[in-house]
Amino acid sequence: MKKTFRITGINSAVSASVVEKNVRALSGVRDVSIKPSAGTMRVSFNAEKTNEGEIIASVASAGFVARVIEKGARPQSDRETGRML
């Protein structure tokens, strides 16, 4: 299964590497790709071994907030949503 997540506040390669390390440590995660400039993360995983909630919790343990971007939805930047970083 592949899912794309929006990660709020991630803006550097250092932050991305911390999040990636946490997510890769989950059982069943096959691949993680993070684009800090876009604030997105794509995860390929075995849904029988892990799930979206565990991935989101893993991101939270690195100090960031993640949510699933539903298929067909356009990812929004913090600037577009008016959120303060």
Protein backbone atom coordinates (compact mmCIF):
# COMPACT_ATOMS: atom_id res chain seq x y z
CA MET A 1 0.00 0.00 0.00
CA LYS A 2 1.19 3.54 -0.75
CA LYS A 3 0.01 6.65 1.04
CA THR A 4 0.97 10.30 0.89
CA PHE A 5 1.06 12.34 4.09
CA ARG A 6 1.19 16.08 4.73
CA ILE A 7 3.76 16.93 7.41
CA THR A 8 3.27 20.30 9.05
CA GLY A 9 6.40 22.27 9.89
CA ILE A 10 9.00 20.09 8.19
CA ASN A 11 11.30 22.38 6.25
CA SER A 12 14.82 20.98 6.21
CA ALA A 13 16.75 17.90 5.21
CA VAL A 14 17.75 17.38 8.85
CA SER A 15 14.10 17.29 9.98
CA ALA A 16 13.24 15.00 7.08
CA SER A 17 16.00 12.56 8.00
CA VAL A 18 14.73 12.31 11.60
CA VAL A 19 11.17 11.64 10.41
CA GLU A 20 12.38 9.16 7.79
CA LYS A 21 14.42 7.24 10.37
CA ASN A 22 11.40 6.96 12.69
CA VAL A 23 9.03 5.83 9.95
CA ARG A 24 11.51 3.33 8.46
CA ALA A 25 11.82 1.72 11.90
CA LEU A 26 8.19 0.58 11.74
CA SER A 27 7.62 -3.06 10.85
CA GLY A 28 6.22 -3.37 7.34
CA VAL A 29 7.49 -0.06 5.95
CA ARG A 30 9.10 -0.68 2.57
CA ASP A 31 10.01 2.82 1.40
CA VAL A 32 9.85 6.42 2.61
CA SER A 33 10.28 9.50 0.44
CA ILE A 34 10.07 12.98 1.97
CA LYS A 35 10.00 16.32 0.16
CA PRO A 36 10.65 18.95 2.86
CA SER A 37 9.99 21.86 0.50
CA ALA A 38 6.52 20.50 -0.25
CA GLY A 39 5.89 19.19 3.27
CA THR A 40 4.94 15.77 1.95
CA MET A 41 5.95 12.20 2.64
CA ARG A 42 5.16 9.14 0.53
CA VAL A 43 5.25 5.81 2.34
CA SER A 44 5.04 2.32 0.86
CA PHE A 45 4.07 -0.23 3.50
CA ASN A 46 2.53 -3.63 4.19
CA ALA A 47 -0.93 -2.88 5.62
CA GLU A 48 -0.91 -6.20 7.46
CA LYS A 49 2.09 -5.08 9.54
CA THR A 50 1.50 -1.35 10.06
CA ASN A 51 -1.12 1.29 9.37
CA GLU A 52 -1.64 5.01 8.83
CA GLY A 53 -2.14 5.63 12.55
CA GLU A 54 1.21 4.08 13.45
CA ILE A 55 2.93 6.09 10.73
CA ILE A 56 1.32 9.31 11.98
CA ALA A 57 2.36 8.45 15.56
CA SER A 58 5.93 7.82 14.38
CA VAL A 59 6.02 11.26 12.76
CA ALA A 60 4.61 12.78 15.96
CA SER A 61 7.40 11.18 17.99
CA ALA A 62 9.82 13.24 15.86
CA GLY A 63 7.92 16.41 16.79
CA PHE A 64 5.78 16.92 13.69
CA VAL A 65 2.11 16.58 12.78
CA ALA A 66 1.13 14.36 9.86
CA ARG A 67 -2.13 13.59 8.14
CA VAL A 68 -3.05 11.45 5.17
CA ILE A 69 -3.63 13.29 1.90
CA GLU A 70 -6.66 11.61 0.40
CA LYS A 71 -6.28 10.40 -3.17
CA GLY A 72 -7.25 13.15 -5.60
CA ALA A 73 -6.87 15.91 -2.99
CA ARG A 74 -4.40 18.66 -3.71
CA PRO A 75 -1.79 19.06 -0.96
CA GLN A 76 -1.92 22.54 0.54
CA SER A 77 1.06 24.46 1.74
CA ASP A 78 1.06 26.22 5.10
CA ARG A 79 0.93 29.49 3.17
CA GLU A 80 -2.29 28.46 1.41
CA THR A 81 -4.02 27.33 4.60
CA GLY A 82 -2.90 30.39 6.54
CA ARG A 83 -1.21 28.33 9.24
CA MET A 84 1.62 29.83 11.19
CA LEU A 85 4.78 27.72 11.44
